[in-house]
Amino acid sequence: MLSFQKIRARAAKRKGGDAVLEALLGSAPDNGAVARIADDRILSTMSERIFAAGFVWRVIEQKWPGFEEAFLGFEPKRLLFQPEDFWHDLASDKRIVRNPQKIVAVKDNAFFVDRVSREHGGFGNFLSAWPANDQLGLMTYLGKYGSRLGGNTGQYFLRWLEWDTFIVSQDMAAALRDAGLDIAESPTSKKDLAKIQAQVNEWVAETGLPREHISRILAMSIGENRSPDTILEYTGE
C-alpha cells in the first residue's frame, strides 16, 4: 500500500498547500456529542439526506424550512399519531419535494427512530455508543432496519450528524485502488467495504486522524481537482 503520508502530500499539493487542506478538512467529529442530539433532529437529518439523494442538494436545503413545517418539526411521536390522510396530503404539499416513496420513508423512519430511542434512551445515545471502528456494522443496521438508508445515504446521514464517518465516494474508492487496495471500481460488496474499513482503521491508528479526515484527504488526492469553494459547498460546511 502507498503510504498515507504520500497520499496526504499529494492532496495538499493539489489544493494549494497544507494550510488550505487543513481548512478543507474542518474540525474533528465528536461521536460523544452525537448523544446530545434530540430525536427530532435525528429524523430531520435522516430525512434531509434521503430527499437529497439523487436530487440537487441546494434545492433541498433551500426548501427545508417548508419540510420542517410540513412534517411537524420531525418529532417522531407527533408523526406516529397522524392519520393516513396526513401522509396522503403531503404528496401534494408544495412546501416539500413531492416524492411519495420518500414521504413514506419519513413515516417508516419515525417508527424506527422512536423504537431505537426507547430502547437506548435516545437515538443519539445509540449512535454515540456504536464503536467507531465498526462503521460497516452500523451501516448494515441502518440499511436493514431504517428506510432508504442503505448505501451512501446512510453514510451521509452519519456525516451530517458529525459521527466520525468515511464516505465511499467515487474519488475515495479511486484513491484506495491507486494506493494498492484490491477493491472493485464501485465497491459496494460487504467484502470490499470490509477491506476499506480495515484500511481506514489502520490509517487511523497510524496517523491519529479521524476517519472523516482520512476519507476527505483520499477524495481530494485524486480525480477532478475541485476548487475549495466547491468542496465546502459539497460537504455542507
C-alpha atoms as a PDB file:
ATOM      1  CA  MET A   1       0.000   0.000   0.000  1.00  0.00           C
ATOM      2  CA  LEU A   2       1.093   3.536  -0.755  1.00  0.00           C
ATOM      3  CA  SER A   3       1.866   5.348   2.498  1.00  0.00           C
ATOM      4  CA  PHE A   4      -0.814   7.716   3.752  1.00  0.00           C
ATOM      5  CA  GLN A   5       1.832  10.410   4.164  1.00  0.00           C
ATOM      6  CA  LYS A   6       2.341  10.408   0.384  1.00  0.00           C
ATOM      7  CA  ILE A   7      -1.408  10.486  -0.241  1.00  0.00           C
ATOM      8  CA  ARG A   8      -1.788  13.484   2.073  1.00  0.00           C
ATOM      9  CA  ALA A   9       1.142  15.280   0.414  1.00  0.00           C
ATOM     10  CA  ARG A  10      -0.481  14.794  -2.979  1.00  0.00           C
ATOM     11  CA  ALA A  11      -3.816  16.139  -1.711  1.00  0.00           C
ATOM     12  CA  ALA A  12      -2.116  19.194  -0.193  1.00  0.00           C
ATOM     13  CA  LYS A  13      -0.261  19.940  -3.424  1.00  0.00           C
ATOM     14  CA  ARG A  14      -3.488  19.705  -5.447  1.00  0.00           C
ATOM     15  CA  LYS A  15      -5.368  22.052  -3.109  1.00  0.00           C
ATOM     16  CA  GLY A  16      -2.658  24.711  -2.742  1.00  0.00           C
ATOM     17  CA  GLY A  17      -0.741  23.675   0.353  1.00  0.00           C
ATOM     18  CA  ASP A  18      -1.123  22.243   3.847  1.00  0.00           C
ATOM     19  CA  ALA A  19      -2.976  25.274   5.215  1.00  0.00           C
ATOM     20  CA  VAL A  20      -5.682  25.059   2.554  1.00  0.00           C
ATOM     21  CA  LEU A  21      -6.002  21.305   3.038  1.00  0.00           C
ATOM     22  CA  GLU A  22      -6.356  21.711   6.811  1.00  0.00           C
ATOM     23  CA  ALA A  23      -9.107  24.295   6.306  1.00  0.00           C
ATOM     24  CA  LEU A  24     -10.979  21.949   3.968  1.00  0.00           C
ATOM     25  CA  LEU A  25     -10.839  19.108   6.483  1.00  0.00           C
ATOM     26  CA  GLY A  26     -12.799  21.057   9.076  1.00  0.00           C
ATOM     27  CA  SER A  27     -12.980  20.296  12.775  1.00  0.00           C
ATOM     28  CA  ALA A  28     -12.663  16.765  14.094  1.00  0.00           C
ATOM     29  CA  PRO A  29     -16.008  14.994  14.651  1.00  0.00           C
ATOM     30  CA  ASP A  30     -17.060  14.021  18.164  1.00  0.00           C
ATOM     31  CA  ASN A  31     -19.098  10.825  18.405  1.00  0.00           C
ATOM     32  CA  GLY A  32     -19.744  11.532  22.069  1.00  0.00           C
ATOM     33  CA  ALA A  33     -21.540  14.771  21.179  1.00  0.00           C
ATOM     34  CA  VAL A  34     -23.970  12.840  18.974  1.00  0.00           C
ATOM     35  CA  ALA A  35     -25.590  11.516  22.165  1.00  0.00           C
ATOM     36  CA  ARG A  36     -26.948  15.011  22.822  1.00  0.00           C
ATOM     37  CA  ILE A  37     -28.796  15.291  19.504  1.00  0.00           C
ATOM     38  CA  ALA A  38     -32.569  15.167  20.000  1.00  0.00           C
ATOM     39  CA  ASP A  39     -34.657  12.592  18.160  1.00  0.00           C
ATOM     40  CA  ASP A  40     -36.437  15.219  16.054  1.00  0.00           C
ATOM     41  CA  ARG A  41     -33.064  16.484  14.744  1.00  0.00           C
ATOM     42  CA  ILE A  42     -32.015  12.900  14.078  1.00  0.00           C
ATOM     43  CA  LEU A  43     -35.133  12.284  11.990  1.00  0.00           C
ATOM     44  CA  SER A  44     -34.800  15.674  10.280  1.00  0.00           C
ATOM     45  CA  THR A  45     -31.223  14.979   9.215  1.00  0.00           C
ATOM     46  CA  MET A  46     -32.105  11.444   8.185  1.00  0.00           C
ATOM     47  CA  SER A  47     -34.985  12.725   6.046  1.00  0.00           C
ATOM     48  CA  GLU A  48     -32.940  15.538   4.511  1.00  0.00           C
ATOM     49  CA  ARG A  49     -30.283  13.107   3.294  1.00  0.00           C
ATOM     50  CA  ILE A  50     -32.971  10.794   1.887  1.00  0.00           C
ATOM     51  CA  PHE A  51     -34.649  13.596  -0.037  1.00  0.00           C
ATOM     52  CA  ALA A  52     -31.271  14.907  -1.213  1.00  0.00           C
ATOM     53  CA  ALA A  53     -30.239  11.523  -2.628  1.00  0.00           C
ATOM     54  CA  GLY A  54     -30.344  11.739  -6.428  1.00  0.00           C
ATOM     55  CA  PHE A  55     -31.542  15.349  -6.261  1.00  0.00           C
ATOM     56  CA  VAL A  56     -29.959  18.808  -6.254  1.00  0.00           C
ATOM     57  CA  TRP A  57     -28.793  19.312  -2.677  1.00  0.00           C
ATOM     58  CA  ARG A  58     -29.112  23.105  -2.818  1.00  0.00           C
ATOM     59  CA  VAL A  59     -32.807  22.857  -3.705  1.00  0.00           C
ATOM     60  CA  ILE A  60     -33.485  20.581  -0.748  1.00  0.00           C
ATOM     61  CA  GLU A  61     -31.542  22.891   1.569  1.00  0.00           C
ATOM     62  CA  GLN A  62     -33.491  25.949   0.379  1.00  0.00           C
ATOM     63  CA  LYS A  63     -36.841  24.219   0.803  1.00  0.00           C
ATOM     64  CA  TRP A  64     -36.008  22.633   4.167  1.00  0.00           C
ATOM     65  CA  PRO A  65     -37.905  25.171   6.339  1.00  0.00           C
ATOM     66  CA  GLY A  66     -41.019  24.096   4.427  1.00  0.00           C
ATOM     67  CA  PHE A  67     -40.188  20.447   5.093  1.00  0.00           C
ATOM     68  CA  GLU A  68     -39.886  21.232   8.804  1.00  0.00           C
ATOM     69  CA  GLU A  69     -43.373  22.775   8.812  1.00  0.00           C
ATOM     70  CA  ALA A  70     -44.966  20.060   6.706  1.00  0.00           C
ATOM     71  CA  PHE A  71     -43.505  17.228   8.799  1.00  0.00           C
ATOM     72  CA  LEU A  72     -44.364  18.829  12.172  1.00  0.00           C
ATOM     73  CA  GLY A  73     -40.779  19.552  13.104  1.00  0.00           C
ATOM     74  CA  PHE A  74     -39.911  15.873  12.527  1.00  0.00           C
ATOM     75  CA  GLU A  75     -40.965  14.957  16.062  1.00  0.00           C
ATOM     76  CA  PRO A  76     -41.329  11.172  15.818  1.00  0.00           C
ATOM     77  CA  LYS A  77     -44.114  10.768  18.359  1.00  0.00           C
ATOM     78  CA  ARG A  78     -46.243  13.515  16.755  1.00  0.00           C
ATOM     79  CA  LEU A  79     -45.809  11.923  13.353  1.00  0.00           C
ATOM     80  CA  LEU A  80     -46.736   8.492  14.670  1.00  0.00           C
ATOM     81  CA  PHE A  81     -50.148   9.791  15.752  1.00  0.00           C
ATOM     82  CA  GLN A  82     -51.042  11.316  12.382  1.00  0.00           C
ATOM     83  CA  PRO A  83     -53.855   9.712  10.355  1.00  0.00           C
ATOM     84  CA  GLU A  84     -53.358   8.326   6.861  1.00  0.00           C
ATOM     85  CA  ASP A  85     -54.898  11.478   5.360  1.00  0.00           C
ATOM     86  CA  PHE A  86     -51.959  13.486   6.739  1.00  0.00           C
ATOM     87  CA  TRP A  87     -49.455  11.383   4.792  1.00  0.00           C
ATOM     88  CA  HIS A  88     -51.660  11.283   1.699  1.00  0.00           C
ATOM     89  CA  ASP A  89     -51.953  15.086   1.640  1.00  0.00           C
ATOM     90  CA  LEU A  90     -48.175  15.517   1.815  1.00  0.00           C
ATOM     91  CA  ALA A  91     -47.929  14.087  -1.697  1.00  0.00           C
ATOM     92  CA  SER A  92     -49.463  17.326  -2.991  1.00  0.00           C
ATOM     93  CA  ASP A  93     -47.887  19.734  -0.481  1.00  0.00           C
ATOM     94  CA  LYS A  94     -45.920  22.399  -2.375  1.00  0.00           C
ATOM     95  CA  ARG A  95     -43.723  23.123   0.652  1.00  0.00           C
ATOM     96  CA  ILE A  96     -41.785  19.917   0.015  1.00  0.00           C
ATOM     97  CA  VAL A  97     -40.430  17.826  -2.843  1.00  0.00           C
ATOM     98  CA  ARG A  98     -43.404  15.617  -3.554  1.00  0.00           C
ATOM     99  CA  ASN A  99     -41.846  12.179  -3.806  1.00  0.00           C
ATOM    100  CA  PRO A 100     -44.358   9.622  -2.468  1.00  0.00           C
ATOM    101  CA  GLN A 101     -41.761   6.934  -1.753  1.00  0.00           C
ATOM    102  CA  LYS A 102     -39.560   9.297   0.241  1.00  0.00           C
ATOM    103  CA  ILE A 103     -42.574  10.655   2.140  1.00  0.00           C
ATOM    104  CA  VAL A 104     -43.389   7.084   3.192  1.00  0.00           C
ATOM    105  CA  ALA A 105     -39.748   6.692   4.244  1.00  0.00           C
ATOM    106  CA  VAL A 106     -40.177   9.567   6.726  1.00  0.00           C
ATOM    107  CA  LYS A 107     -43.162   7.763   8.229  1.00  0.00           C
ATOM    108  CA  ASP A 108     -41.269   4.463   8.439  1.00  0.00           C
ATOM    109  CA  ASN A 109     -38.207   6.141   9.930  1.00  0.00           C
ATOM    110  CA  ALA A 110     -40.327   7.906  12.554  1.00  0.00           C
ATOM    111  CA  PHE A 111     -41.169   4.418  13.827  1.00  0.00           C
ATOM    112  CA  PHE A 112     -37.523   3.372  13.523  1.00  0.00           C
ATOM    113  CA  VAL A 113     -36.158   6.390  15.424  1.00  0.00           C
ATOM    114  CA  ASP A 114     -38.822   6.104  18.121  1.00  0.00           C
ATOM    115  CA  ARG A 115     -38.195   2.385  18.660  1.00  0.00           C
ATOM    116  CA  VAL A 116     -34.420   2.731  18.902  1.00  0.00           C
ATOM    117  CA  SER A 117     -34.781   5.800  21.111  1.00  0.00           C
ATOM    118  CA  ARG A 118     -36.972   3.941  23.589  1.00  0.00           C
ATOM    119  CA  GLU A 119     -34.510   1.050  23.689  1.00  0.00           C
ATOM    120  CA  HIS A 120     -31.406   3.215  24.206  1.00  0.00           C
ATOM    121  CA  GLY A 121     -32.656   6.367  25.903  1.00  0.00           C
ATOM    122  CA  GLY A 122     -32.324   8.382  22.701  1.00  0.00           C
ATOM    123  CA  PHE A 123     -31.307   7.580  19.144  1.00  0.00           C
ATOM    124  CA  GLY A 124     -28.244   9.774  19.636  1.00  0.00           C
ATOM    125  CA  ASN A 125     -27.179   7.572  22.556  1.00  0.00           C
ATOM    126  CA  PHE A 126     -27.446   4.537  20.298  1.00  0.00           C
ATOM    127  CA  LEU A 127     -25.220   6.120  17.640  1.00  0.00           C
ATOM    128  CA  SER A 128     -22.731   7.512  20.133  1.00  0.00           C
ATOM    129  CA  ALA A 129     -22.216   4.101  21.754  1.00  0.00           C
ATOM    130  CA  TRP A 130     -21.580   2.312  18.467  1.00  0.00           C
ATOM    131  CA  PRO A 131     -17.836   1.512  18.055  1.00  0.00           C
ATOM    132  CA  ALA A 132     -16.227   3.980  15.648  1.00  0.00           C
ATOM    133  CA  ASN A 133     -14.112   1.213  14.112  1.00  0.00           C
ATOM    134  CA  ASP A 134     -17.241  -0.693  13.031  1.00  0.00           C
ATOM    135  CA  GLN A 135     -18.905   1.757  10.666  1.00  0.00           C
ATOM    136  CA  LEU A 136     -19.780  -1.120   8.355  1.00  0.00           C
ATOM    137  CA  GLY A 137     -21.811  -2.760  11.110  1.00  0.00           C
ATOM    138  CA  LEU A 138     -23.701   0.481  11.756  1.00  0.00           C
ATOM    139  CA  MET A 139     -24.339   0.999   8.043  1.00  0.00           C
ATOM    140  CA  THR A 140     -25.702  -2.539   7.832  1.00  0.00           C
ATOM    141  CA  TYR A 141     -28.008  -1.881  10.790  1.00  0.00           C
ATOM    142  CA  LEU A 142     -29.315   1.378   9.314  1.00  0.00           C
ATOM    143  CA  GLY A 143     -29.870  -0.261   5.948  1.00  0.00           C
ATOM    144  CA  LYS A 144     -31.700  -3.233   7.457  1.00  0.00           C
ATOM    145  CA  TYR A 145     -33.979  -1.506   9.963  1.00  0.00           C
ATOM    146  CA  GLY A 146     -34.289   2.010   8.565  1.00  0.00           C
ATOM    147  CA  SER A 147     -35.977   3.026   5.328  1.00  0.00           C
ATOM    148  CA  ARG A 148     -33.888   4.147   2.327  1.00  0.00           C
ATOM    149  CA  LEU A 149     -30.746   4.378   4.478  1.00  0.00           C
ATOM    150  CA  GLY A 150     -28.600   1.946   2.544  1.00  0.00           C
ATOM    151  CA  GLY A 151     -25.511   2.810   0.538  1.00  0.00           C
ATOM    152  CA  ASN A 152     -24.152   6.326   0.581  1.00  0.00           C
ATOM    153  CA  THR A 153     -27.345   7.811   2.036  1.00  0.00           C
ATOM    154  CA  GLY A 154     -26.625   6.174   5.383  1.00  0.00           C
ATOM    155  CA  GLN A 155     -23.026   7.367   5.226  1.00  0.00           C
ATOM    156  CA  TYR A 156     -24.061  10.958   4.520  1.00  0.00           C
ATOM    157  CA  PHE A 157     -26.630  10.782   7.318  1.00  0.00           C
ATOM    158  CA  LEU A 158     -23.891   9.858   9.796  1.00  0.00           C
ATOM    159  CA  ARG A 159     -21.524  12.507   8.382  1.00  0.00           C
ATOM    160  CA  TRP A 160     -24.161  15.254   8.691  1.00  0.00           C
ATOM    161  CA  LEU A 161     -24.658  14.309  12.355  1.00  0.00           C
ATOM    162  CA  GLU A 162     -20.862  14.616  12.769  1.00  0.00           C
ATOM    163  CA  TRP A 163     -20.427  10.944  13.624  1.00  0.00           C
ATOM    164  CA  ASP A 164     -16.892  10.056  12.538  1.00  0.00           C
ATOM    165  CA  THR A 165     -17.686   8.687   9.077  1.00  0.00           C
ATOM    166  CA  PHE A 166     -15.758   7.762   5.975  1.00  0.00           C
ATOM    167  CA  ILE A 167     -17.761   8.125   2.763  1.00  0.00           C
ATOM    168  CA  VAL A 168     -17.032   5.743  -0.075  1.00  0.00           C
ATOM    169  CA  SER A 169     -17.300   8.281  -2.882  1.00  0.00           C
ATOM    170  CA  GLN A 170     -16.068   7.607  -6.402  1.00  0.00           C
ATOM    171  CA  ASP A 171     -12.895   9.605  -5.700  1.00  0.00           C
ATOM    172  CA  MET A 172     -12.209   7.899  -2.375  1.00  0.00           C
ATOM    173  CA  ALA A 173     -12.570   4.481  -3.992  1.00  0.00           C
ATOM    174  CA  ALA A 174     -10.266   5.553  -6.836  1.00  0.00           C
ATOM    175  CA  ALA A 175      -7.656   6.769  -4.341  1.00  0.00           C
ATOM    176  CA  LEU A 176      -7.784   3.485  -2.439  1.00  0.00           C
ATOM    177  CA  ARG A 177      -7.364   1.497  -5.647  1.00  0.00           C
ATOM    178  CA  ASP A 178      -4.496   3.759  -6.680  1.00  0.00           C
ATOM    179  CA  ALA A 179      -2.872   3.168  -3.281  1.00  0.00           C
ATOM    180  CA  GLY A 180      -2.984  -0.586  -3.843  1.00  0.00           C
ATOM    181  CA  LEU A 181      -6.205  -1.778  -2.174  1.00  0.00           C
ATOM    182  CA  ASP A 182      -7.785  -4.640  -4.099  1.00  0.00           C
ATOM    183  CA  ILE A 183     -11.393  -3.467  -4.420  1.00  0.00           C
ATOM    184  CA  ALA A 184     -13.860  -3.005  -7.259  1.00  0.00           C
ATOM    185  CA  GLU A 185     -14.127   0.305  -9.085  1.00  0.00           C
ATOM    186  CA  SER A 186     -17.515   0.781  -7.439  1.00  0.00           C
ATOM    187  CA  PRO A 187     -17.061  -1.068  -4.131  1.00  0.00           C
ATOM    188  CA  THR A 188     -20.454  -1.981  -2.731  1.00  0.00           C
ATOM    189  CA  SER A 189     -19.976  -5.601  -1.668  1.00  0.00           C
ATOM    190  CA  LYS A 190     -19.539  -6.447   2.006  1.00  0.00           C
ATOM    191  CA  LYS A 191     -16.136  -7.899   1.165  1.00  0.00           C
ATOM    192  CA  ASP A 192     -14.894  -4.672  -0.422  1.00  0.00           C
ATOM    193  CA  LEU A 193     -16.420  -2.471   2.269  1.00  0.00           C
ATOM    194  CA  ALA A 194     -14.740  -4.602   4.931  1.00  0.00           C
ATOM    195  CA  LYS A 195     -11.395  -4.085   3.180  1.00  0.00           C
ATOM    196  CA  ILE A 196     -11.992  -0.332   3.095  1.00  0.00           C
ATOM    197  CA  GLN A 197     -12.932  -0.223   6.760  1.00  0.00           C
ATOM    198  CA  ALA A 198      -9.874  -2.246   7.753  1.00  0.00           C
ATOM    199  CA  GLN A 199      -7.552   0.025   5.748  1.00  0.00           C
ATOM    200  CA  VAL A 200      -9.114   3.211   7.126  1.00  0.00           C
ATOM    201  CA  ASN A 201      -8.860   1.845  10.671  1.00  0.00           C
ATOM    202  CA  GLU A 202      -5.193   1.049  10.037  1.00  0.00           C
ATOM    203  CA  TRP A 203      -4.538   4.612   8.902  1.00  0.00           C
ATOM    204  CA  VAL A 204      -6.419   5.971  11.936  1.00  0.00           C
ATOM    205  CA  ALA A 205      -4.079   4.024  14.213  1.00  0.00           C
ATOM    206  CA  GLU A 206      -1.060   5.164  12.198  1.00  0.00           C
ATOM    207  CA  THR A 207      -1.887   8.870  11.878  1.00  0.00           C
ATOM    208  CA  GLY A 208      -4.256   9.668  14.749  1.00  0.00           C
ATOM    209  CA  LEU A 209      -6.585  11.348  12.239  1.00  0.00           C
ATOM    210  CA  PRO A 210     -10.353  10.847  12.400  1.00  0.00           C
ATOM    211  CA  ARG A 211     -11.933   8.667   9.745  1.00  0.00           C
ATOM    212  CA  GLU A 212     -13.728  11.659   8.272  1.00  0.00           C
ATOM    213  CA  HIS A 213     -10.429  13.443   7.594  1.00  0.00           C
ATOM    214  CA  ILE A 214      -8.836  10.343   6.105  1.00  0.00           C
ATOM    215  CA  SER A 215     -11.849   9.958   3.823  1.00  0.00           C
ATOM    216  CA  ARG A 216     -11.651  13.578   2.678  1.00  0.00           C
ATOM    217  CA  ILE A 217      -7.890  13.505   2.121  1.00  0.00           C
ATOM    218  CA  LEU A 218      -8.249  10.406  -0.046  1.00  0.00           C
ATOM    219  CA  ALA A 219     -11.025  12.016  -2.094  1.00  0.00           C
ATOM    220  CA  MET A 220      -9.032  15.233  -2.578  1.00  0.00           C
ATOM    221  CA  SER A 221      -5.894  13.375  -3.652  1.00  0.00           C
ATOM    222  CA  ILE A 222      -7.236  12.145  -6.995  1.00  0.00           C
ATOM    223  CA  GLY A 223      -9.825  12.762  -9.693  1.00  0.00           C
ATOM    224  CA  GLU A 224     -11.246  16.154 -10.638  1.00  0.00           C
ATOM    225  CA  ASN A 225      -9.386  18.871  -8.752  1.00  0.00           C
ATOM    226  CA  ARG A 226     -12.372  20.798  -7.421  1.00  0.00           C
ATOM    227  CA  SER A 227     -11.936  24.287  -6.017  1.00  0.00           C
ATOM    228  CA  PRO A 228     -12.006  24.809  -2.222  1.00  0.00           C
ATOM    229  CA  ASP A 229     -15.322  26.699  -2.520  1.00  0.00           C
ATOM    230  CA  THR A 230     -16.902  23.818  -4.402  1.00  0.00           C
ATOM    231  CA  ILE A 231     -15.668  21.322  -1.813  1.00  0.00           C
ATOM    232  CA  LEU A 232     -17.052  23.367   1.086  1.00  0.00           C
ATOM    233  CA  GLU A 233     -20.425  23.621  -0.639  1.00  0.00           C
ATOM    234  CA  TYR A 234     -20.456  19.857  -1.287  1.00  0.00           C
ATOM    235  CA  THR A 235     -19.556  18.930   2.271  1.00  0.00           C
ATOM    236  CA  GLY A 236     -22.112  21.302   3.763  1.00  0.00           C
ATOM    237  CA  GLU A 237     -19.610  23.268   5.837  1.00  0.00           C
END
